[in-house]
Amino acid sequence: MSEIEAKIEALVPAWLHLPDIAEQWGVSILEVRDMVRAKQLITVRRGPNNTLQVPAAFIDETGPVKHLVGTLTVLRDCHFTDQEILEWMFTEDPTLPGSPIQALRENRGTEVKRRAQAELI
């Protein structure tokens, strides 16, 4: 396991498998895979079977957490890798307070996107 993989494992408390997400949302696994391909979700290969998993904090009852997709787009525009995005999203930011993903889950997306856009500078 690389250093960044170990850091992500330490930062992300819970993960969901793609079939579990599909079941929760009431959609086909193909729709969830399409979201992954469209870069609306980030997956990491994990576990003994090396399966694709998504941070549980990215998932709401009916879809991705509000403002998540836009935030991911901004960070990718800043040339962040998926691992760097995960690290950024789950690292505590005392000015928020909390982590960016916590702020998104608390419907404070505008502030998170503002910080993400600041990464462009």
Protein backbone atom coordinates (compact mmCIF):
# COMPACT_ATOMS: atom_id res chain seq x y z
CA MET A 1 0.00 0.00 0.00
CA SER A 2 1.39 3.38 -1.01
CA GLU A 3 1.66 6.29 1.40
CA ILE A 4 -1.29 8.15 -0.16
CA GLU A 5 -3.42 4.96 -0.15
CA ALA A 6 -2.67 4.51 3.54
CA LYS A 7 -3.57 8.15 4.22
CA ILE A 8 -6.89 7.78 2.37
CA GLU A 9 -7.67 4.60 4.31
CA ALA A 10 -7.06 6.53 7.54
CA LEU A 11 -9.16 9.54 6.43
CA VAL A 12 -12.20 7.80 4.93
CA PRO A 13 -14.18 6.05 7.69
CA ALA A 14 -16.65 4.02 5.59
CA TRP A 15 -17.03 2.74 2.05
CA LEU A 16 -19.89 1.39 -0.08
CA HIS A 17 -19.78 -1.17 -2.89
CA LEU A 18 -21.38 -0.16 -6.20
CA PRO A 19 -24.18 -2.79 -5.98
CA ASP A 20 -25.11 -1.48 -2.52
CA ILE A 21 -25.35 2.07 -3.88
CA ALA A 22 -27.54 0.88 -6.77
CA GLU A 23 -29.84 -0.91 -4.34
CA GLN A 24 -30.06 2.11 -2.02
CA TRP A 25 -30.94 4.44 -4.91
CA GLY A 26 -33.25 1.95 -6.59
CA VAL A 27 -31.32 2.04 -9.87
CA SER A 28 -29.37 -0.49 -11.90
CA ILE A 29 -25.69 -1.13 -11.27
CA LEU A 30 -25.11 0.14 -14.83
CA GLU A 31 -26.43 3.58 -13.85
CA VAL A 32 -23.99 3.74 -10.93
CA ARG A 33 -21.13 2.61 -13.18
CA ASP A 34 -22.13 5.32 -15.69
CA MET A 35 -21.81 7.91 -12.91
CA VAL A 36 -18.33 6.60 -12.14
CA ARG A 37 -17.37 6.80 -15.84
CA ALA A 38 -18.80 10.34 -16.01
CA LYS A 39 -16.58 11.22 -13.02
CA GLN A 40 -19.57 12.07 -10.83
CA LEU A 41 -18.27 9.65 -8.19
CA ILE A 42 -14.79 8.57 -7.14
CA THR A 43 -14.04 4.91 -6.67
CA VAL A 44 -11.10 3.14 -5.09
CA ARG A 45 -10.22 -0.54 -5.47
CA ARG A 46 -10.20 -1.98 -1.96
CA GLY A 47 -10.52 -5.09 0.10
CA PRO A 48 -9.52 -8.69 -0.43
CA ASN A 49 -11.37 -8.88 -3.77
CA ASN A 50 -10.06 -5.50 -4.98
CA THR A 51 -13.62 -4.27 -5.58
CA LEU A 52 -14.62 -0.75 -6.58
CA GLN A 53 -15.89 1.21 -3.60
CA VAL A 54 -17.11 4.77 -3.02
CA PRO A 55 -16.70 6.74 0.20
CA ALA A 56 -20.02 6.34 2.05
CA ALA A 57 -20.00 10.05 2.89
CA PHE A 58 -20.45 10.84 -0.83
CA ILE A 59 -23.82 9.06 -0.91
CA ASP A 60 -27.25 10.35 0.13
CA GLU A 61 -30.54 8.45 0.09
CA THR A 62 -31.32 9.22 -3.56
CA GLY A 63 -28.01 10.22 -5.17
CA PRO A 64 -24.65 11.87 -4.62
CA VAL A 65 -24.46 14.43 -1.81
CA LYS A 66 -25.67 17.83 -2.99
CA HIS A 67 -22.86 19.89 -4.59
CA LEU A 68 -20.48 16.89 -4.66
CA VAL A 69 -20.42 16.56 -8.46
CA GLY A 70 -19.69 20.29 -8.94
CA THR A 71 -16.96 20.22 -6.31
CA LEU A 72 -15.33 17.19 -7.95
CA THR A 73 -15.39 19.02 -11.30
CA VAL A 74 -13.71 22.12 -9.84
CA LEU A 75 -10.99 20.04 -8.17
CA ARG A 76 -10.35 18.10 -11.38
CA ASP A 77 -10.07 21.43 -13.20
CA CYS A 78 -7.31 22.18 -10.67
CA HIS A 79 -5.59 18.98 -11.92
CA PHE A 80 -6.16 17.09 -8.68
CA THR A 81 -5.93 13.31 -8.98
CA ASP A 82 -8.71 11.22 -7.47
CA GLN A 83 -6.46 10.41 -4.50
CA GLU A 84 -5.71 14.11 -3.96
CA ILE A 85 -9.43 14.89 -4.16
CA LEU A 86 -10.21 12.28 -1.53
CA GLU A 87 -7.48 13.64 0.71
CA TRP A 88 -8.76 17.23 0.24
CA MET A 89 -12.41 16.25 0.83
CA PHE A 90 -11.75 14.33 4.06
CA THR A 91 -9.04 16.50 5.65
CA GLU A 92 -10.18 18.78 8.45
CA ASP A 93 -10.25 22.49 7.55
CA PRO A 94 -10.48 24.66 10.68
CA THR A 95 -11.84 27.57 8.62
CA LEU A 96 -14.97 25.58 7.58
CA PRO A 97 -14.99 24.08 10.38
CA GLY A 98 -14.73 20.35 9.72
CA SER A 99 -13.83 18.65 6.48
CA PRO A 100 -15.17 19.71 3.07
CA ILE A 101 -17.30 16.54 2.84
CA GLN A 102 -18.82 17.30 6.25
CA ALA A 103 -19.66 20.80 5.03
CA LEU A 104 -21.28 19.41 1.85
CA ARG A 105 -23.37 17.00 3.92
CA GLU A 106 -24.47 19.97 6.05
CA ASN A 107 -25.57 21.84 2.89
CA ARG A 108 -22.68 24.33 3.02
CA GLY A 109 -21.70 23.67 -0.59
CA THR A 110 -21.10 27.29 -1.58
CA GLU A 111 -18.29 27.63 0.94
CA VAL A 112 -16.72 24.33 -0.11
CA LYS A 113 -16.81 25.27 -3.81
CA ARG A 114 -15.26 28.64 -2.96
CA ARG A 115 -12.35 26.87 -1.28
CA ALA A 116 -12.04 24.43 -4.17
CA GLN A 117 -11.92 27.30 -6.67
CA ALA A 118 -9.18 28.92 -4.59
CA GLU A 119 -7.05 25.87 -5.45
CA LEU A 120 -6.97 27.17 -9.06
CA ILE A 121 -4.91 30.15 -7.99
